[in-house]
Amino acid sequence: MIIYFIEWDLPDQKANLTVYANKARNDWLPATLAHPGVQEIRNYRNPLEVTPQVGIGIEFEDLEAWRSYVESQDYIRIMRELRILGCRNFSTHLWAPSKYFPESMRPEGK
């Protein structure tokens, strides 16, 4: 399992924010979920309302699936369209399971 986090700030213009929400729901998220090796997407907002405003976590089967996605035309197009709409301050993080604690840990009874 590989987790890819992408964070950014939303467009300032309300019209672009409407287009952004529509594209995310009807194009970007479905296209990403359809990519081979994608297992899950989680969407986040910053409750402190500071930068970055938005974060998503995409879970991939393995590093090869992640690499295939970031080299895909869909990913290149999505990132270009986000920038065109006025999203900015992008940052990314790539995480693999710990060698020492590779399994999820939860409180007892949960």
N, C-alpha and C. Protein backbone atom coordinates (compact mmCIF):
# COMPACT_ATOMS: atom_id res chain seq x y z
N MET A 1 0.83 -1.17 0.00
CA MET A 1 0.00 0.00 0.00
C MET A 1 0.88 1.25 0.00
N ILE A 2 0.51 2.19 -0.82
CA ILE A 2 1.18 3.48 -0.94
C ILE A 2 0.12 4.57 -0.76
N ILE A 3 0.43 5.59 0.03
CA ILE A 3 -0.48 6.72 0.20
C ILE A 3 0.17 7.96 -0.43
N TYR A 4 -0.58 8.60 -1.32
CA TYR A 4 -0.12 9.82 -1.99
C TYR A 4 -1.01 10.96 -1.54
N PHE A 5 -0.44 11.93 -0.83
CA PHE A 5 -1.19 13.11 -0.39
C PHE A 5 -0.87 14.28 -1.31
N ILE A 6 -1.92 14.98 -1.70
CA ILE A 6 -1.78 16.20 -2.49
C ILE A 6 -2.57 17.27 -1.76
N GLU A 7 -1.96 18.44 -1.57
CA GLU A 7 -2.61 19.54 -0.87
C GLU A 7 -2.52 20.80 -1.74
N TRP A 8 -3.54 21.67 -1.62
CA TRP A 8 -3.53 22.92 -2.38
C TRP A 8 -4.53 23.90 -1.79
N ASP A 9 -4.52 25.11 -2.34
CA ASP A 9 -5.49 26.14 -1.99
C ASP A 9 -6.49 26.26 -3.12
N LEU A 10 -7.73 26.56 -2.76
CA LEU A 10 -8.84 26.65 -3.71
C LEU A 10 -8.78 27.94 -4.53
N PRO A 11 -9.50 27.97 -5.66
CA PRO A 11 -9.58 29.21 -6.45
C PRO A 11 -10.24 30.32 -5.65
N ASP A 12 -9.82 31.56 -5.90
CA ASP A 12 -10.40 32.72 -5.23
C ASP A 12 -11.74 33.11 -5.84
N GLN A 13 -11.91 32.93 -7.14
CA GLN A 13 -13.11 33.36 -7.84
C GLN A 13 -14.24 32.35 -7.64
N LYS A 14 -15.41 32.85 -7.23
CA LYS A 14 -16.56 31.99 -6.94
C LYS A 14 -16.97 31.16 -8.16
N ALA A 15 -16.94 31.75 -9.35
CA ALA A 15 -17.32 31.01 -10.56
C ALA A 15 -16.37 29.83 -10.78
N ASN A 16 -15.09 30.05 -10.55
CA ASN A 16 -14.12 28.97 -10.72
C ASN A 16 -14.30 27.89 -9.65
N LEU A 17 -14.74 28.29 -8.47
CA LEU A 17 -14.98 27.33 -7.40
C LEU A 17 -16.15 26.42 -7.75
N THR A 18 -17.16 26.96 -8.42
CA THR A 18 -18.30 26.15 -8.88
C THR A 18 -17.85 25.15 -9.93
N VAL A 19 -17.05 25.59 -10.88
CA VAL A 19 -16.51 24.69 -11.90
C VAL A 19 -15.64 23.62 -11.25
N TYR A 20 -14.82 24.04 -10.31
CA TYR A 20 -13.94 23.13 -9.57
C TYR A 20 -14.75 22.01 -8.92
N ALA A 21 -15.80 22.36 -8.19
CA ALA A 21 -16.61 21.36 -7.49
C ALA A 21 -17.26 20.39 -8.47
N ASN A 22 -17.75 20.90 -9.58
CA ASN A 22 -18.37 20.05 -10.60
C ASN A 22 -17.34 19.11 -11.24
N LYS A 23 -16.19 19.65 -11.60
CA LYS A 23 -15.14 18.83 -12.21
C LYS A 23 -14.65 17.75 -11.24
N ALA A 24 -14.48 18.11 -9.98
CA ALA A 24 -14.01 17.14 -8.99
C ALA A 24 -14.99 15.98 -8.88
N ARG A 25 -16.26 16.29 -8.73
CA ARG A 25 -17.29 15.27 -8.52
C ARG A 25 -17.52 14.42 -9.76
N ASN A 26 -17.54 15.03 -10.93
CA ASN A 26 -17.97 14.33 -12.14
C ASN A 26 -16.85 13.91 -13.08
N ASP A 27 -15.62 14.34 -12.82
CA ASP A 27 -14.52 14.02 -13.73
C ASP A 27 -13.28 13.55 -12.98
N TRP A 28 -12.68 14.42 -12.19
CA TRP A 28 -11.37 14.13 -11.60
C TRP A 28 -11.39 12.93 -10.66
N LEU A 29 -12.34 12.90 -9.72
CA LEU A 29 -12.38 11.78 -8.77
C LEU A 29 -12.74 10.46 -9.47
N PRO A 30 -13.78 10.43 -10.32
CA PRO A 30 -14.06 9.17 -11.03
C PRO A 30 -12.90 8.70 -11.92
N ALA A 31 -12.23 9.63 -12.59
CA ALA A 31 -11.09 9.24 -13.45
C ALA A 31 -9.97 8.65 -12.61
N THR A 32 -9.72 9.24 -11.44
CA THR A 32 -8.67 8.72 -10.56
C THR A 32 -9.05 7.36 -10.01
N LEU A 33 -10.29 7.21 -9.56
CA LEU A 33 -10.74 5.92 -9.03
C LEU A 33 -10.68 4.81 -10.08
N ALA A 34 -10.84 5.17 -11.34
CA ALA A 34 -10.82 4.18 -12.42
C ALA A 34 -9.41 3.73 -12.80
N HIS A 35 -8.40 4.45 -12.32
CA HIS A 35 -7.02 4.09 -12.68
C HIS A 35 -6.64 2.76 -12.02
N PRO A 36 -6.02 1.87 -12.75
CA PRO A 36 -5.61 0.58 -12.17
C PRO A 36 -4.71 0.77 -10.95
N GLY A 37 -5.02 0.05 -9.90
CA GLY A 37 -4.20 0.10 -8.69
C GLY A 37 -4.66 1.10 -7.65
N VAL A 38 -5.63 1.96 -7.99
CA VAL A 38 -6.17 2.89 -7.00
C VAL A 38 -7.17 2.13 -6.14
N GLN A 39 -6.99 2.22 -4.82
CA GLN A 39 -7.87 1.50 -3.90
C GLN A 39 -8.85 2.39 -3.17
N GLU A 40 -8.48 3.67 -2.98
CA GLU A 40 -9.34 4.55 -2.20
C GLU A 40 -8.88 5.99 -2.36
N ILE A 41 -9.84 6.90 -2.25
CA ILE A 41 -9.53 8.33 -2.19
C ILE A 41 -10.25 8.89 -0.97
N ARG A 42 -9.54 9.68 -0.19
CA ARG A 42 -10.14 10.41 0.93
C ARG A 42 -9.91 11.90 0.69
N ASN A 43 -10.97 12.67 0.89
CA ASN A 43 -10.92 14.11 0.69
C ASN A 43 -10.96 14.82 2.04
N TYR A 44 -10.14 15.85 2.18
CA TYR A 44 -10.03 16.58 3.45
C TYR A 44 -10.13 18.08 3.21
N ARG A 45 -10.57 18.78 4.24
CA ARG A 45 -10.55 20.24 4.24
C ARG A 45 -9.78 20.66 5.49
N ASN A 46 -9.20 21.82 5.45
CA ASN A 46 -8.46 22.32 6.59
C ASN A 46 -9.44 23.05 7.52
N PRO A 47 -9.74 22.48 8.70
CA PRO A 47 -10.72 23.12 9.59
C PRO A 47 -10.24 24.45 10.16
N LEU A 48 -8.94 24.72 10.07
CA LEU A 48 -8.41 26.00 10.55
C LEU A 48 -8.54 27.10 9.51
N GLU A 49 -8.96 26.71 8.29
CA GLU A 49 -9.15 27.65 7.18
C GLU A 49 -7.91 28.45 6.86
N VAL A 50 -6.76 27.77 6.89
CA VAL A 50 -5.49 28.34 6.46
C VAL A 50 -4.93 27.46 5.35
N THR A 51 -3.85 27.89 4.76
CA THR A 51 -3.24 27.12 3.68
C THR A 51 -2.53 25.89 4.23
N PRO A 52 -2.59 24.77 3.58
CA PRO A 52 -3.41 24.44 2.42
C PRO A 52 -4.86 24.23 2.84
N GLN A 53 -5.76 24.58 1.94
CA GLN A 53 -7.19 24.50 2.23
C GLN A 53 -7.76 23.10 1.98
N VAL A 54 -7.18 22.38 1.04
CA VAL A 54 -7.71 21.09 0.60
C VAL A 54 -6.60 20.06 0.62
N GLY A 55 -6.95 18.85 0.98
CA GLY A 55 -6.01 17.73 0.89
C GLY A 55 -6.75 16.49 0.45
N ILE A 56 -6.09 15.69 -0.36
CA ILE A 56 -6.65 14.38 -0.70
C ILE A 56 -5.58 13.33 -0.46
N GLY A 57 -6.03 12.18 -0.07
CA GLY A 57 -5.15 11.03 0.08
C GLY A 57 -5.61 9.95 -0.87
N ILE A 58 -4.72 9.49 -1.72
CA ILE A 58 -5.04 8.42 -2.67
C ILE A 58 -4.24 7.20 -2.26
N GLU A 59 -4.93 6.10 -2.04
CA GLU A 59 -4.26 4.86 -1.68
C GLU A 59 -4.08 4.00 -2.93
N PHE A 60 -2.84 3.56 -3.15
CA PHE A 60 -2.49 2.71 -4.29
C PHE A 60 -2.06 1.33 -3.80
N GLU A 61 -2.23 0.35 -4.65
CA GLU A 61 -1.81 -1.01 -4.31
C GLU A 61 -0.32 -1.08 -4.02
N ASP A 62 0.47 -0.38 -4.86
CA ASP A 62 1.92 -0.44 -4.74
C ASP A 62 2.55 0.76 -5.42
N LEU A 63 3.85 0.85 -5.34
CA LEU A 63 4.57 1.99 -5.90
C LEU A 63 4.44 2.05 -7.42
N GLU A 64 4.37 0.90 -8.06
CA GLU A 64 4.22 0.87 -9.51
C GLU A 64 2.88 1.46 -9.95
N ALA A 65 1.82 1.19 -9.20
CA ALA A 65 0.50 1.75 -9.52
C ALA A 65 0.53 3.27 -9.36
N TRP A 66 1.19 3.75 -8.29
CA TRP A 66 1.32 5.20 -8.10
C TRP A 66 2.09 5.83 -9.26
N ARG A 67 3.21 5.22 -9.61
CA ARG A 67 4.04 5.76 -10.70
C ARG A 67 3.24 5.81 -12.01
N SER A 68 2.49 4.76 -12.28
CA SER A 68 1.67 4.72 -13.48
C SER A 68 0.65 5.86 -13.48
N TYR A 69 0.07 6.13 -12.32
CA TYR A 69 -0.93 7.19 -12.22
C TYR A 69 -0.31 8.56 -12.45
N VAL A 70 0.78 8.89 -11.77
CA VAL A 70 1.35 10.23 -11.91
C VAL A 70 1.96 10.46 -13.29
N GLU A 71 2.21 9.41 -14.03
CA GLU A 71 2.69 9.54 -15.41
C GLU A 71 1.54 9.50 -16.42
N SER A 72 0.31 9.29 -15.95
CA SER A 72 -0.84 9.13 -16.85
C SER A 72 -1.31 10.48 -17.40
N GLN A 73 -1.98 10.42 -18.53
CA GLN A 73 -2.55 11.62 -19.13
C GLN A 73 -3.66 12.20 -18.25
N ASP A 74 -4.40 11.34 -17.56
CA ASP A 74 -5.45 11.84 -16.66
C ASP A 74 -4.85 12.71 -15.55
N TYR A 75 -3.79 12.23 -14.90
CA TYR A 75 -3.18 13.00 -13.81
C TYR A 75 -2.61 14.32 -14.34
N ILE A 76 -1.92 14.27 -15.45
CA ILE A 76 -1.35 15.48 -16.04
C ILE A 76 -2.46 16.48 -16.37
N ARG A 77 -3.56 15.99 -16.94
CA ARG A 77 -4.69 16.85 -17.28
C ARG A 77 -5.34 17.43 -16.02
N ILE A 78 -5.58 16.61 -15.02
CA ILE A 78 -6.22 17.07 -13.79
C ILE A 78 -5.38 18.17 -13.13
N MET A 79 -4.09 17.95 -13.01
CA MET A 79 -3.23 18.95 -12.38
C MET A 79 -3.21 20.25 -13.20
N ARG A 80 -3.20 20.13 -14.52
CA ARG A 80 -3.24 21.32 -15.38
C ARG A 80 -4.56 22.07 -15.18
N GLU A 81 -5.68 21.35 -15.14
CA GLU A 81 -6.98 21.99 -14.98
C GLU A 81 -7.12 22.64 -13.60
N LEU A 82 -6.58 22.03 -12.58
CA LEU A 82 -6.60 22.66 -11.24
C LEU A 82 -5.88 24.00 -11.27
N ARG A 83 -4.72 24.03 -11.92
CA ARG A 83 -3.95 25.29 -12.00
C ARG A 83 -4.69 26.33 -12.85
N ILE A 84 -5.30 25.90 -13.96
CA ILE A 84 -6.05 26.83 -14.81
C ILE A 84 -7.20 27.48 -14.04
N LEU A 85 -7.86 26.69 -13.17
CA LEU A 85 -8.98 27.22 -12.39
C LEU A 85 -8.53 28.14 -11.26
N GLY A 86 -7.24 28.20 -10.97
CA GLY A 86 -6.73 29.11 -9.96
C GLY A 86 -6.30 28.44 -8.67
N CYS A 87 -6.26 27.11 -8.64
CA CYS A 87 -5.72 26.43 -7.46
C CYS A 87 -4.22 26.70 -7.41
N ARG A 88 -3.67 26.79 -6.19
CA ARG A 88 -2.26 27.14 -6.06
C ARG A 88 -1.68 26.53 -4.79
N ASN A 89 -0.39 26.73 -4.61
CA ASN A 89 0.34 26.26 -3.42
C ASN A 89 0.25 24.74 -3.25
N PHE A 90 0.53 24.03 -4.32
CA PHE A 90 0.48 22.58 -4.29
C PHE A 90 1.67 22.00 -3.52
N SER A 91 1.40 20.95 -2.79
CA SER A 91 2.47 20.15 -2.20
C SER A 91 2.02 18.69 -2.24
N THR A 92 3.00 17.80 -2.31
CA THR A 92 2.70 16.38 -2.38
C THR A 92 3.59 15.62 -1.39
N HIS A 93 3.08 14.50 -0.94
CA HIS A 93 3.81 13.62 -0.03
C HIS A 93 3.51 12.19 -0.44
N LEU A 94 4.50 11.35 -0.41
CA LEU A 94 4.34 9.94 -0.76
C LEU A 94 4.78 9.11 0.43
N TRP A 95 3.91 8.18 0.86
CA TRP A 95 4.18 7.38 2.05
C TRP A 95 4.00 5.89 1.75
N ALA A 96 4.89 5.10 2.30
CA ALA A 96 4.81 3.63 2.23
C ALA A 96 4.73 3.12 3.67
N PRO A 97 4.26 1.91 3.87
CA PRO A 97 4.17 1.38 5.23
C PRO A 97 5.54 1.34 5.92
N SER A 98 5.51 1.52 7.23
CA SER A 98 6.72 1.45 8.04
C SER A 98 7.29 0.04 8.01
N LYS A 99 8.60 -0.06 7.97
CA LYS A 99 9.24 -1.37 8.05
C LYS A 99 9.09 -1.97 9.44
N TYR A 100 8.93 -1.11 10.45
CA TYR A 100 8.88 -1.56 11.84
C TYR A 100 7.46 -1.78 12.35
N PHE A 101 6.50 -0.99 11.81
CA PHE A 101 5.11 -1.10 12.22
C PHE A 101 4.22 -1.06 10.97
N PRO A 102 4.25 -2.10 10.14
CA PRO A 102 3.57 -2.06 8.85
C PRO A 102 2.05 -2.18 8.92
N GLU A 103 1.51 -2.60 10.05
CA GLU A 103 0.08 -2.85 10.13
C GLU A 103 -0.63 -1.73 10.90
N SER A 104 -1.89 -1.53 10.57
CA SER A 104 -2.70 -0.52 11.26
C SER A 104 -2.83 -0.89 12.73
N MET A 105 -2.85 0.12 13.56
CA MET A 105 -3.04 -0.09 15.00
C MET A 105 -4.29 0.68 15.41
N ARG A 106 -5.10 0.04 16.25
CA ARG A 106 -6.34 0.67 16.71
C ARG A 106 -6.47 0.42 18.21
N PRO A 107 -7.22 1.30 18.90
CA PRO A 107 -7.49 1.04 20.31
C PRO A 107 -8.23 -0.29 20.48
N GLU A 108 -8.01 -0.93 21.58
CA GLU A 108 -8.67 -2.20 21.83
C GLU A 108 -10.19 -2.04 21.79
N GLY A 109 -10.85 -3.03 21.19
CA GLY A 109 -12.29 -3.03 21.13
C GLY A 109 -12.88 -2.21 20.01
N LYS A 110 -12.06 -1.64 19.14
CA LYS A 110 -12.57 -0.82 18.03
C LYS A 110 -12.20 -1.42 16.71
